[in-house]
Amino acid sequence: MLNSFDVFSINSEVEFNSLSIQIFKYQYTNNPIYRKFVDLLSLNYKEIDNYKKIPFLPIEFFKTNKVVDDNFSPAFYFQSSGTTSENISKHYIVNENIYKKSILESFSLFFGDPSEYIYLGLLPSYLERNNSSLIYMVNHLMEQSKKEENGYYLHNFDDLYLVLNRLESEGKKVILFGVSYALLDFAKSYPLHLNHTLIIETGGMKGRKKEITKDELLSELKYAFHTKKIFSEYSMTELLSQAYSLSNNFYRCPPWMKILIRDVDDPFEYVENHRTGGVNIIDLANIHSCSFISTQDLGKTLENECFQILGRMDNSDIRGCSLLLL
């Protein structure tokens, strides 16, 4: 019997491959949308024995289909940002405890005990809509810390500036989650010296600013806040896991998540390290939806299982957390 929480105990490539195959066969059997997609490829699912042979569902399917385990009734759904109803993805959630576990396990791996931090959110585009997986994630981290200073800031930069100044003077450990364009606006008007605050940018210019490279964004934020590092989070509505960059746009995944880079001319072939291609994501926590997703992001893998996100493919939609700068 497949246990949904087994994925959080993975500690080797062999275990990752074994669970990937088990979850693939489970999802083929129990997720009708994914099964139809695999069948259209004329593959014998029983013969697949390595995660690199598993078919990756195009992320666009989440816009037009209910991609979910047929054995359960979803408790709720997460919804992506979008300008029209046609380009909004919905990710139906069967067991929110899996997402909560994924949030805490991944965060702890990269930043330590979540209860030690005060969490501030500068996430206007996410606060202004319902069913955001990012807001759910930050809320859950706030619940772990139970700090009275936890809070969100929409457009009230004055209040955020005063709070950060006070917390800095008190030497408090703070994490500021911010969408890229809002962080840039805040940095321009309220430069600070941050010694105790970690900034985690979540991507997303949302068409509101001139596009700049990821390196330019990080450089501007480091200069404005007089800090050596700006951290980043990489996830999206259709996932239940997060990868983090601790410096210089080099991301790492938790053990139950993996990035593969496909050839842009042949989606069934993968390219070697340092070559740019389309990003495929394995998220084994996403067991009751689809764990194998082909995105419209461009990236490349590096040594030591690091990866970079370089932008978006041409003609792909602007999306929430997954939009990084071109």
C-alpha atoms as a PDB file:
ATOM      1  CA  MET A   1       0.000   0.000   0.000  1.00  0.00           C
ATOM      2  CA  LEU A   2       1.426   3.370  -1.037  1.00  0.00           C
ATOM      3  CA  ASN A   3       1.833   5.713   1.931  1.00  0.00           C
ATOM      4  CA  SER A   4       1.592   9.372   0.912  1.00  0.00           C
ATOM      5  CA  PHE A   5       4.094  10.437   3.575  1.00  0.00           C
ATOM      6  CA  ASP A   6       6.823   7.956   2.569  1.00  0.00           C
ATOM      7  CA  VAL A   7       8.183  10.543   0.148  1.00  0.00           C
ATOM      8  CA  PHE A   8       9.495  12.639   3.031  1.00  0.00           C
ATOM      9  CA  SER A   9      11.854   9.880   4.140  1.00  0.00           C
ATOM     10  CA  ILE A  10      13.702   9.551   0.804  1.00  0.00           C
ATOM     11  CA  ASN A  11      17.480   9.625   1.294  1.00  0.00           C
ATOM     12  CA  SER A  12      18.942   8.056  -1.850  1.00  0.00           C
ATOM     13  CA  GLU A  13      18.622   8.018  -5.625  1.00  0.00           C
ATOM     14  CA  VAL A  14      17.478   4.400  -5.457  1.00  0.00           C
ATOM     15  CA  GLU A  15      14.647   5.284  -3.080  1.00  0.00           C
ATOM     16  CA  PHE A  16      13.677   8.267  -5.206  1.00  0.00           C
ATOM     17  CA  ASN A  17      13.491   6.127  -8.330  1.00  0.00           C
ATOM     18  CA  SER A  18      11.532   3.377  -6.582  1.00  0.00           C
ATOM     19  CA  LEU A  19       8.910   5.760  -5.205  1.00  0.00           C
ATOM     20  CA  SER A  20       8.726   7.622  -8.522  1.00  0.00           C
ATOM     21  CA  ILE A  21       7.794   4.420 -10.312  1.00  0.00           C
ATOM     22  CA  GLN A  22       5.272   3.463  -7.636  1.00  0.00           C
ATOM     23  CA  ILE A  23       3.642   6.881  -7.745  1.00  0.00           C
ATOM     24  CA  PHE A  24       3.658   6.941 -11.540  1.00  0.00           C
ATOM     25  CA  LYS A  25       1.809   3.617 -11.688  1.00  0.00           C
ATOM     26  CA  TYR A  26      -0.597   4.762  -8.983  1.00  0.00           C
ATOM     27  CA  GLN A  27      -1.371   7.973 -10.837  1.00  0.00           C
ATOM     28  CA  TYR A  28      -1.716   6.200 -14.155  1.00  0.00           C
ATOM     29  CA  THR A  29      -4.266   3.872 -12.559  1.00  0.00           C
ATOM     30  CA  ASN A  30      -6.174   6.443 -10.503  1.00  0.00           C
ATOM     31  CA  ASN A  31      -5.897   9.756 -12.329  1.00  0.00           C
ATOM     32  CA  PRO A  32      -8.047   9.593 -15.496  1.00  0.00           C
ATOM     33  CA  ILE A  33      -6.608  12.730 -17.111  1.00  0.00           C
ATOM     34  CA  TYR A  34      -3.040  11.544 -16.654  1.00  0.00           C
ATOM     35  CA  ARG A  35      -3.936   8.045 -17.844  1.00  0.00           C
ATOM     36  CA  LYS A  36      -5.479   9.418 -21.063  1.00  0.00           C
ATOM     37  CA  PHE A  37      -2.378  11.487 -21.686  1.00  0.00           C
ATOM     38  CA  VAL A  38      -0.034   8.508 -21.205  1.00  0.00           C
ATOM     39  CA  ASP A  39      -2.219   6.297 -23.397  1.00  0.00           C
ATOM     40  CA  LEU A  40      -2.077   8.852 -26.211  1.00  0.00           C
ATOM     41  CA  LEU A  41       1.696   8.341 -26.234  1.00  0.00           C
ATOM     42  CA  SER A  42       1.189   4.614 -26.896  1.00  0.00           C
ATOM     43  CA  LEU A  43       3.394   3.612 -23.970  1.00  0.00           C
ATOM     44  CA  ASN A  44       3.153   0.455 -21.928  1.00  0.00           C
ATOM     45  CA  TYR A  45       3.180   1.922 -18.436  1.00  0.00           C
ATOM     46  CA  LYS A  46       4.173  -1.439 -16.921  1.00  0.00           C
ATOM     47  CA  GLU A  47       7.534  -1.306 -18.718  1.00  0.00           C
ATOM     48  CA  ILE A  48       8.643   2.010 -17.249  1.00  0.00           C
ATOM     49  CA  ASP A  49      11.407   1.345 -14.708  1.00  0.00           C
ATOM     50  CA  ASN A  50      13.191   4.701 -14.365  1.00  0.00           C
ATOM     51  CA  TYR A  51      11.880   8.177 -13.571  1.00  0.00           C
ATOM     52  CA  LYS A  52      13.495   9.604 -16.716  1.00  0.00           C
ATOM     53  CA  LYS A  53      11.191   7.404 -18.803  1.00  0.00           C
ATOM     54  CA  ILE A  54       8.027   8.653 -17.120  1.00  0.00           C
ATOM     55  CA  PRO A  55       5.793  10.898 -19.304  1.00  0.00           C
ATOM     56  CA  PHE A  56       5.461  14.467 -18.006  1.00  0.00           C
ATOM     57  CA  LEU A  57       2.025  16.049 -18.187  1.00  0.00           C
ATOM     58  CA  PRO A  58       2.053  19.506 -19.833  1.00  0.00           C
ATOM     59  CA  ILE A  59       1.196  22.080 -17.193  1.00  0.00           C
ATOM     60  CA  GLU A  60      -1.478  23.562 -19.453  1.00  0.00           C
ATOM     61  CA  PHE A  61      -3.718  20.589 -18.621  1.00  0.00           C
ATOM     62  CA  PHE A  62      -4.408  22.180 -15.238  1.00  0.00           C
ATOM     63  CA  LYS A  63      -6.223  25.019 -17.015  1.00  0.00           C
ATOM     64  CA  THR A  64      -8.771  22.845 -18.758  1.00  0.00           C
ATOM     65  CA  ASN A  65      -8.980  19.647 -16.694  1.00  0.00           C
ATOM     66  CA  LYS A  66      -9.490  18.481 -13.142  1.00  0.00           C
ATOM     67  CA  VAL A  67      -6.158  16.712 -12.621  1.00  0.00           C
ATOM     68  CA  VAL A  68      -6.875  14.729  -9.480  1.00  0.00           C
ATOM     69  CA  ASP A  69      -6.968  11.242  -7.966  1.00  0.00           C
ATOM     70  CA  ASP A  70     -10.292   9.611  -8.837  1.00  0.00           C
ATOM     71  CA  ASN A  71     -10.543   7.875  -5.447  1.00  0.00           C
ATOM     72  CA  PHE A  72     -11.126  11.055  -3.442  1.00  0.00           C
ATOM     73  CA  SER A  73     -13.200  14.187  -3.358  1.00  0.00           C
ATOM     74  CA  PRO A  74     -10.906  17.233  -3.209  1.00  0.00           C
ATOM     75  CA  ALA A  75     -11.119  19.325  -0.063  1.00  0.00           C
ATOM     76  CA  PHE A  76     -10.358  22.576  -1.915  1.00  0.00           C
ATOM     77  CA  TYR A  77      -8.196  23.923  -4.716  1.00  0.00           C
ATOM     78  CA  PHE A  78      -5.384  26.372  -5.316  1.00  0.00           C
ATOM     79  CA  GLN A  79      -5.726  28.810  -8.178  1.00  0.00           C
ATOM     80  CA  SER A  80      -3.053  30.523 -10.247  1.00  0.00           C
ATOM     81  CA  SER A  81      -3.060  34.184 -11.156  1.00  0.00           C
ATOM     82  CA  GLY A  82      -4.171  35.179 -14.617  1.00  0.00           C
ATOM     83  CA  THR A  83      -5.759  37.945 -16.595  1.00  0.00           C
ATOM     84  CA  THR A  84      -8.708  35.889 -17.866  1.00  0.00           C
ATOM     85  CA  SER A  85     -10.561  32.762 -16.776  1.00  0.00           C
ATOM     86  CA  GLU A  86      -8.980  30.901 -19.707  1.00  0.00           C
ATOM     87  CA  ASN A  87      -5.422  31.078 -18.343  1.00  0.00           C
ATOM     88  CA  ILE A  88      -6.118  30.198 -14.724  1.00  0.00           C
ATOM     89  CA  SER A  89      -4.925  26.830 -13.455  1.00  0.00           C
ATOM     90  CA  LYS A  90      -6.637  24.984 -10.634  1.00  0.00           C
ATOM     91  CA  HIS A  91      -4.838  22.460  -8.481  1.00  0.00           C
ATOM     92  CA  TYR A  92      -7.269  20.291  -6.530  1.00  0.00           C
ATOM     93  CA  ILE A  93      -6.045  19.273  -3.082  1.00  0.00           C
ATOM     94  CA  VAL A  94      -7.119  15.986  -1.514  1.00  0.00           C
ATOM     95  CA  ASN A  95      -5.017  16.003   1.646  1.00  0.00           C
ATOM     96  CA  GLU A  96      -3.777  19.385   2.851  1.00  0.00           C
ATOM     97  CA  ASN A  97      -1.653  17.708   5.530  1.00  0.00           C
ATOM     98  CA  ILE A  98       0.709  16.553   2.782  1.00  0.00           C
ATOM     99  CA  TYR A  99       1.187  20.158   1.682  1.00  0.00           C
ATOM    100  CA  LYS A 100       1.732  21.278   5.256  1.00  0.00           C
ATOM    101  CA  LYS A 101       4.328  18.559   5.740  1.00  0.00           C
ATOM    102  CA  SER A 102       6.066  19.499   2.502  1.00  0.00           C
ATOM    103  CA  ILE A 103       6.171  23.192   3.464  1.00  0.00           C
ATOM    104  CA  LEU A 104       7.781  22.544   6.840  1.00  0.00           C
ATOM    105  CA  GLU A 105      10.169  19.789   5.779  1.00  0.00           C
ATOM    106  CA  SER A 106      11.521  21.823   2.862  1.00  0.00           C
ATOM    107  CA  PHE A 107      11.761  25.086   4.791  1.00  0.00           C
ATOM    108  CA  SER A 108      13.537  23.370   7.705  1.00  0.00           C
ATOM    109  CA  LEU A 109      16.036  21.794   5.344  1.00  0.00           C
ATOM    110  CA  PHE A 110      17.149  25.184   4.019  1.00  0.00           C
ATOM    111  CA  PHE A 111      16.469  27.659   6.851  1.00  0.00           C
ATOM    112  CA  GLY A 112      16.193  25.685  10.078  1.00  0.00           C
ATOM    113  CA  ASP A 113      13.396  25.691  12.638  1.00  0.00           C
ATOM    114  CA  PRO A 114      10.390  27.647  11.234  1.00  0.00           C
ATOM    115  CA  SER A 115       9.265  28.614  14.744  1.00  0.00           C
ATOM    116  CA  GLU A 116      12.355  30.806  15.229  1.00  0.00           C
ATOM    117  CA  TYR A 117      11.366  33.431  12.666  1.00  0.00           C
ATOM    118  CA  ILE A 118       9.015  36.365  12.360  1.00  0.00           C
ATOM    119  CA  TYR A 119       7.333  36.290   8.927  1.00  0.00           C
ATOM    120  CA  LEU A 120       6.421  39.370   6.944  1.00  0.00           C
ATOM    121  CA  GLY A 121       4.719  39.186   3.561  1.00  0.00           C
ATOM    122  CA  LEU A 122       4.975  41.777   0.795  1.00  0.00           C
ATOM    123  CA  LEU A 123       2.760  39.858  -1.617  1.00  0.00           C
ATOM    124  CA  PRO A 124       0.122  42.251  -2.988  1.00  0.00           C
ATOM    125  CA  SER A 125      -0.786  40.368  -6.148  1.00  0.00           C
ATOM    126  CA  TYR A 126      -1.396  37.201  -4.115  1.00  0.00           C
ATOM    127  CA  LEU A 127      -3.283  38.842  -1.265  1.00  0.00           C
ATOM    128  CA  GLU A 128      -5.617  40.421  -3.808  1.00  0.00           C
ATOM    129  CA  ARG A 129      -6.959  37.066  -5.001  1.00  0.00           C
ATOM    130  CA  ASN A 130      -8.313  33.903  -3.452  1.00  0.00           C
ATOM    131  CA  ASN A 131      -6.893  30.387  -3.224  1.00  0.00           C
ATOM    132  CA  SER A 132      -3.199  31.262  -3.447  1.00  0.00           C
ATOM    133  CA  SER A 133      -0.872  28.385  -2.560  1.00  0.00           C
ATOM    134  CA  LEU A 134       1.859  30.921  -1.716  1.00  0.00           C
ATOM    135  CA  ILE A 135      -0.334  32.698   0.842  1.00  0.00           C
ATOM    136  CA  TYR A 136      -1.280  29.305   2.279  1.00  0.00           C
ATOM    137  CA  MET A 137       2.421  28.473   2.638  1.00  0.00           C
ATOM    138  CA  VAL A 138       3.314  31.744   4.379  1.00  0.00           C
ATOM    139  CA  ASN A 139       0.252  31.437   6.634  1.00  0.00           C
ATOM    140  CA  HIS A 140       1.364  27.972   7.697  1.00  0.00           C
ATOM    141  CA  LEU A 141       4.852  29.221   8.528  1.00  0.00           C
ATOM    142  CA  MET A 142       3.314  32.031  10.564  1.00  0.00           C
ATOM    143  CA  GLU A 143       1.260  29.463  12.454  1.00  0.00           C
ATOM    144  CA  GLN A 144       4.463  27.668  13.444  1.00  0.00           C
ATOM    145  CA  SER A 145       6.149  30.780  14.810  1.00  0.00           C
ATOM    146  CA  LYS A 146       3.106  32.327  16.542  1.00  0.00           C
ATOM    147  CA  LYS A 147       4.951  35.647  16.668  1.00  0.00           C
ATOM    148  CA  GLU A 148       2.744  38.669  17.234  1.00  0.00           C
ATOM    149  CA  GLU A 149       4.776  40.651  14.685  1.00  0.00           C
ATOM    150  CA  ASN A 150       3.830  38.290  11.829  1.00  0.00           C
ATOM    151  CA  GLY A 151       1.841  40.065   9.142  1.00  0.00           C
ATOM    152  CA  TYR A 152       1.185  41.076   5.550  1.00  0.00           C
ATOM    153  CA  TYR A 153       1.732  44.418   3.893  1.00  0.00           C
ATOM    154  CA  LEU A 154      -0.252  45.273   0.795  1.00  0.00           C
ATOM    155  CA  HIS A 155       0.842  48.728  -0.350  1.00  0.00           C
ATOM    156  CA  ASN A 156       1.578  50.234   3.061  1.00  0.00           C
ATOM    157  CA  PHE A 157       5.337  50.581   2.666  1.00  0.00           C
ATOM    158  CA  ASP A 158       5.569  53.091   5.525  1.00  0.00           C
ATOM    159  CA  ASP A 159       4.338  50.503   8.014  1.00  0.00           C
ATOM    160  CA  LEU A 160       6.636  47.811   6.658  1.00  0.00           C
ATOM    161  CA  TYR A 161       9.623  50.162   6.874  1.00  0.00           C
ATOM    162  CA  LEU A 162       8.879  51.008  10.501  1.00  0.00           C
ATOM    163  CA  VAL A 163       8.379  47.371  11.468  1.00  0.00           C
ATOM    164  CA  LEU A 164      11.605  46.235   9.782  1.00  0.00           C
ATOM    165  CA  ASN A 165      13.571  49.032  11.401  1.00  0.00           C
ATOM    166  CA  ARG A 166      12.233  48.140  14.840  1.00  0.00           C
ATOM    167  CA  LEU A 167      12.829  44.396  14.424  1.00  0.00           C
ATOM    168  CA  GLU A 168      16.342  45.048  13.118  1.00  0.00           C
ATOM    169  CA  SER A 169      17.158  47.229  16.122  1.00  0.00           C
ATOM    170  CA  GLU A 170      15.901  44.457  18.419  1.00  0.00           C
ATOM    171  CA  GLY A 171      17.998  41.816  16.620  1.00  0.00           C
ATOM    172  CA  LYS A 172      14.961  39.674  15.776  1.00  0.00           C
ATOM    173  CA  LYS A 173      15.180  36.905  13.171  1.00  0.00           C
ATOM    174  CA  VAL A 174      12.898  37.931  10.333  1.00  0.00           C
ATOM    175  CA  ILE A 175      11.967  36.518   6.934  1.00  0.00           C
ATOM    176  CA  LEU A 176      10.391  38.865   4.401  1.00  0.00           C
ATOM    177  CA  PHE A 177       8.622  37.046   1.574  1.00  0.00           C
ATOM    178  CA  GLY A 178       8.154  39.403  -1.364  1.00  0.00           C
ATOM    179  CA  VAL A 179       7.022  39.368  -4.960  1.00  0.00           C
ATOM    180  CA  SER A 180       9.750  40.832  -7.191  1.00  0.00           C
ATOM    181  CA  TYR A 181       8.065  44.012  -8.392  1.00  0.00           C
ATOM    182  CA  ALA A 182       6.892  44.943  -4.877  1.00  0.00           C
ATOM    183  CA  LEU A 183      10.352  44.375  -3.417  1.00  0.00           C
ATOM    184  CA  LEU A 184      11.846  46.625  -6.086  1.00  0.00           C
ATOM    185  CA  ASP A 185       9.290  49.351  -5.362  1.00  0.00           C
ATOM    186  CA  PHE A 186       9.936  49.078  -1.639  1.00  0.00           C
ATOM    187  CA  ALA A 187      13.717  49.060  -2.083  1.00  0.00           C
ATOM    188  CA  LYS A 188      13.596  52.184  -4.245  1.00  0.00           C
ATOM    189  CA  SER A 189      11.659  54.212  -1.682  1.00  0.00           C
ATOM    190  CA  TYR A 190      12.903  52.664   1.566  1.00  0.00           C
ATOM    191  CA  PRO A 191      16.507  51.414   1.405  1.00  0.00           C
ATOM    192  CA  LEU A 192      17.555  49.668   4.603  1.00  0.00           C
ATOM    193  CA  HIS A 193      20.537  48.024   6.272  1.00  0.00           C
ATOM    194  CA  LEU A 194      19.307  44.487   6.947  1.00  0.00           C
ATOM    195  CA  ASN A 195      21.484  42.405   9.238  1.00  0.00           C
ATOM    196  CA  HIS A 196      18.912  40.081  10.792  1.00  0.00           C
ATOM    197  CA  THR A 197      16.288  39.907   8.027  1.00  0.00           C
ATOM    198  CA  LEU A 198      16.328  37.339   5.227  1.00  0.00           C
ATOM    199  CA  ILE A 199      14.558  38.389   2.028  1.00  0.00           C
ATOM    200  CA  ILE A 200      12.995  35.563   0.019  1.00  0.00           C
ATOM    201  CA  GLU A 201      11.762  36.779  -3.343  1.00  0.00           C
ATOM    202  CA  THR A 202       9.087  34.657  -4.960  1.00  0.00           C
ATOM    203  CA  GLY A 203       9.479  35.840  -8.565  1.00  0.00           C
ATOM    204  CA  GLY A 204       6.895  37.643 -10.615  1.00  0.00           C
ATOM    205  CA  MET A 205       7.047  41.014 -12.319  1.00  0.00           C
ATOM    206  CA  LYS A 206       3.438  40.420 -13.409  1.00  0.00           C
ATOM    207  CA  GLY A 207       3.860  42.732 -16.394  1.00  0.00           C
ATOM    208  CA  ARG A 208       4.087  45.733 -14.083  1.00  0.00           C
ATOM    209  CA  LYS A 209       7.696  46.650 -14.691  1.00  0.00           C
ATOM    210  CA  LYS A 210      10.310  46.545 -17.393  1.00  0.00           C
ATOM    211  CA  GLU A 211      11.731  43.042 -17.441  1.00  0.00           C
ATOM    212  CA  ILE A 212      15.241  42.651 -16.055  1.00  0.00           C
ATOM    213  CA  THR A 213      17.441  39.613 -15.606  1.00  0.00           C
ATOM    214  CA  LYS A 214      17.376  37.597 -12.424  1.00  0.00           C
ATOM    215  CA  ASP A 215      20.958  38.641 -11.684  1.00  0.00           C
ATOM    216  CA  GLU A 216      20.029  42.313 -12.091  1.00  0.00           C
ATOM    217  CA  LEU A 217      17.092  41.879  -9.706  1.00  0.00           C
ATOM    218  CA  LEU A 218      19.238  40.237  -7.041  1.00  0.00           C
ATOM    219  CA  SER A 219      21.968  42.843  -7.469  1.00  0.00           C
ATOM    220  CA  GLU A 220      19.522  45.744  -7.067  1.00  0.00           C
ATOM    221  CA  LEU A 221      17.966  44.225  -3.957  1.00  0.00           C
ATOM    222  CA  LYS A 222      21.323  43.427  -2.356  1.00  0.00           C
ATOM    223  CA  TYR A 223      22.502  46.999  -2.965  1.00  0.00           C
ATOM    224  CA  ALA A 224      19.295  48.576  -1.604  1.00  0.00           C
ATOM    225  CA  PHE A 225      19.204  46.455   1.533  1.00  0.00           C
ATOM    226  CA  HIS A 226      22.970  46.271   2.130  1.00  0.00           C
ATOM    227  CA  THR A 227      22.884  42.510   2.398  1.00  0.00           C
ATOM    228  CA  LYS A 228      25.173  39.888   0.852  1.00  0.00           C
ATOM    229  CA  LYS A 229      22.387  37.488  -0.107  1.00  0.00           C
ATOM    230  CA  ILE A 230      18.853  37.569  -1.470  1.00  0.00           C
ATOM    231  CA  PHE A 231      17.108  34.225  -1.272  1.00  0.00           C
ATOM    232  CA  SER A 232      14.528  32.917  -3.724  1.00  0.00           C
ATOM    233  CA  GLU A 233      11.683  30.404  -3.693  1.00  0.00           C
ATOM    234  CA  TYR A 234      10.626  28.388  -6.746  1.00  0.00           C
ATOM    235  CA  SER A 235       7.272  26.701  -6.892  1.00  0.00           C
ATOM    236  CA  MET A 236       3.925  27.063  -8.604  1.00  0.00           C
ATOM    237  CA  THR A 237       0.220  26.490  -8.143  1.00  0.00           C
ATOM    238  CA  GLU A 238       0.367  22.992  -9.618  1.00  0.00           C
ATOM    239  CA  LEU A 239       2.990  21.752  -7.123  1.00  0.00           C
ATOM    240  CA  LEU A 240       3.052  20.870  -3.432  1.00  0.00           C
ATOM    241  CA  SER A 241       6.785  21.419  -2.944  1.00  0.00           C
ATOM    242  CA  GLN A 242       9.247  24.294  -3.025  1.00  0.00           C
ATOM    243  CA  ALA A 243      12.834  24.633  -4.149  1.00  0.00           C
ATOM    244  CA  TYR A 244      14.972  27.402  -2.673  1.00  0.00           C
ATOM    245  CA  SER A 245      17.952  29.420  -3.836  1.00  0.00           C
ATOM    246  CA  LEU A 246      20.264  30.417  -1.017  1.00  0.00           C
ATOM    247  CA  SER A 247      22.394  32.638  -3.257  1.00  0.00           C
ATOM    248  CA  ASN A 248      23.079  33.658  -6.846  1.00  0.00           C
ATOM    249  CA  ASN A 249      20.023  32.050  -8.449  1.00  0.00           C
ATOM    250  CA  PHE A 250      21.305  28.514  -7.704  1.00  0.00           C
ATOM    251  CA  TYR A 251      18.323  26.470  -6.566  1.00  0.00           C
ATOM    252  CA  ARG A 252      18.192  23.153  -4.758  1.00  0.00           C
ATOM    253  CA  CYS A 253      15.262  20.805  -4.315  1.00  0.00           C
ATOM    254  CA  PRO A 254      14.206  18.842  -1.247  1.00  0.00           C
ATOM    255  CA  PRO A 255      14.875  15.076  -1.578  1.00  0.00           C
ATOM    256  CA  TRP A 256      11.364  14.274  -2.885  1.00  0.00           C
ATOM    257  CA  MET A 257      11.547  16.824  -5.720  1.00  0.00           C
ATOM    258  CA  LYS A 258      13.746  16.819  -8.827  1.00  0.00           C
ATOM    259  CA  ILE A 259      14.333  19.021 -11.880  1.00  0.00           C
ATOM    260  CA  LEU A 260      15.026  17.540 -15.315  1.00  0.00           C
ATOM    261  CA  ILE A 261      15.856  19.664 -18.358  1.00  0.00           C
ATOM    262  CA  ARG A 262      14.278  18.491 -21.603  1.00  0.00           C
ATOM    263  CA  ASP A 263      15.427  19.234 -25.122  1.00  0.00           C
ATOM    264  CA  VAL A 264      13.250  22.044 -26.516  1.00  0.00           C
ATOM    265  CA  ASP A 265      13.111  20.244 -29.866  1.00  0.00           C
ATOM    266  CA  ASP A 266      12.417  16.764 -28.474  1.00  0.00           C
ATOM    267  CA  PRO A 267      10.387  16.629 -25.230  1.00  0.00           C
ATOM    268  CA  PHE A 268      11.347  12.986 -24.638  1.00  0.00           C
ATOM    269  CA  GLU A 269      15.080  13.669 -24.535  1.00  0.00           C
ATOM    270  CA  TYR A 270      17.045  15.321 -21.719  1.00  0.00           C
ATOM    271  CA  VAL A 271      20.053  17.597 -22.051  1.00  0.00           C
ATOM    272  CA  GLU A 272      23.239  17.495 -20.009  1.00  0.00           C
ATOM    273  CA  ASN A 273      24.283  19.944 -17.299  1.00  0.00           C
ATOM    274  CA  HIS A 274      24.807  23.605 -18.309  1.00  0.00           C
ATOM    275  CA  ARG A 275      22.596  23.311 -21.402  1.00  0.00           C
ATOM    276  CA  THR A 276      19.381  25.313 -21.514  1.00  0.00           C
ATOM    277  CA  GLY A 277      16.071  23.540 -22.051  1.00  0.00           C
ATOM    278  CA  GLY A 278      12.516  23.174 -20.826  1.00  0.00           C
ATOM    279  CA  VAL A 279      11.976  22.451 -17.127  1.00  0.00           C
ATOM    280  CA  ASN A 280      10.321  19.180 -16.110  1.00  0.00           C
ATOM    281  CA  ILE A 281       9.491  18.799 -12.436  1.00  0.00           C
ATOM    282  CA  ILE A 282       9.035  15.678 -10.337  1.00  0.00           C
ATOM    283  CA  ASP A 283       7.160  16.478  -7.138  1.00  0.00           C
ATOM    284  CA  LEU A 284       6.470  13.241  -5.319  1.00  0.00           C
ATOM    285  CA  ALA A 285       4.465  15.059  -2.633  1.00  0.00           C
ATOM    286  CA  ASN A 286       1.857  15.739  -5.314  1.00  0.00           C
ATOM    287  CA  ILE A 287       0.661  12.160  -5.111  1.00  0.00           C
ATOM    288  CA  HIS A 288      -3.096  12.827  -5.431  1.00  0.00           C
ATOM    289  CA  SER A 289      -2.708  15.040  -8.474  1.00  0.00           C
ATOM    290  CA  CYS A 290       0.214  14.636 -10.886  1.00  0.00           C
ATOM    291  CA  SER A 291       3.825  14.335  -9.743  1.00  0.00           C
ATOM    292  CA  PHE A 292       5.335  14.645 -13.234  1.00  0.00           C
ATOM    293  CA  ILE A 293       4.830  18.042 -14.841  1.00  0.00           C
ATOM    294  CA  SER A 294       6.293  19.622 -17.959  1.00  0.00           C
ATOM    295  CA  THR A 295       6.469  23.404 -17.470  1.00  0.00           C
ATOM    296  CA  GLN A 296       7.012  26.348 -19.792  1.00  0.00           C
ATOM    297  CA  ASP A 297      10.006  27.555 -17.807  1.00  0.00           C
ATOM    298  CA  LEU A 298      13.506  27.514 -19.225  1.00  0.00           C
ATOM    299  CA  GLY A 299      16.403  26.406 -17.086  1.00  0.00           C
ATOM    300  CA  LYS A 300      19.542  24.352 -16.772  1.00  0.00           C
ATOM    301  CA  THR A 301      20.939  21.888 -14.280  1.00  0.00           C
ATOM    302  CA  LEU A 302      24.352  22.274 -12.673  1.00  0.00           C
ATOM    303  CA  GLU A 303      26.663  20.153 -10.555  1.00  0.00           C
ATOM    304  CA  ASN A 304      25.584  18.938  -7.111  1.00  0.00           C
ATOM    305  CA  GLU A 305      21.919  18.803  -8.191  1.00  0.00           C
ATOM    306  CA  CYS A 306      21.625  22.579  -8.368  1.00  0.00           C
ATOM    307  CA  PHE A 307      19.619  24.259 -11.107  1.00  0.00           C
ATOM    308  CA  GLN A 308      18.875  27.693 -12.496  1.00  0.00           C
ATOM    309  CA  ILE A 309      15.681  29.162 -13.871  1.00  0.00           C
ATOM    310  CA  LEU A 310      16.420  31.398 -16.837  1.00  0.00           C
ATOM    311  CA  GLY A 311      13.017  32.642 -17.961  1.00  0.00           C
ATOM    312  CA  ARG A 312       9.954  31.609 -19.909  1.00  0.00           C
ATOM    313  CA  MET A 313       9.438  30.000 -23.286  1.00  0.00           C
ATOM    314  CA  ASP A 314       8.035  32.221 -26.030  1.00  0.00           C
ATOM    315  CA  ASN A 315       4.255  32.658 -26.084  1.00  0.00           C
ATOM    316  CA  SER A 316       3.785  31.077 -22.659  1.00  0.00           C
ATOM    317  CA  ASP A 317       1.420  32.700 -20.203  1.00  0.00           C
ATOM    318  CA  ILE A 318       2.514  34.941 -17.371  1.00  0.00           C
ATOM    319  CA  ARG A 319       2.102  32.867 -14.240  1.00  0.00           C
ATOM    320  CA  GLY A 320       2.396  33.448 -10.516  1.00  0.00           C
ATOM    321  CA  CYS A 321       5.333  32.092  -8.505  1.00  0.00           C
ATOM    322  CA  SER A 322       6.916  30.394 -11.500  1.00  0.00           C
ATOM    323  CA  LEU A 323       7.461  33.597 -13.456  1.00  0.00           C
ATOM    324  CA  LEU A 324      11.055  34.640 -13.108  1.00  0.00           C
ATOM    325  CA  LEU A 325      12.668  37.455 -14.967  1.00  0.00           C
ATOM    326  CA  LEU A 326      13.739  37.406 -18.582  1.00  0.00           C
END
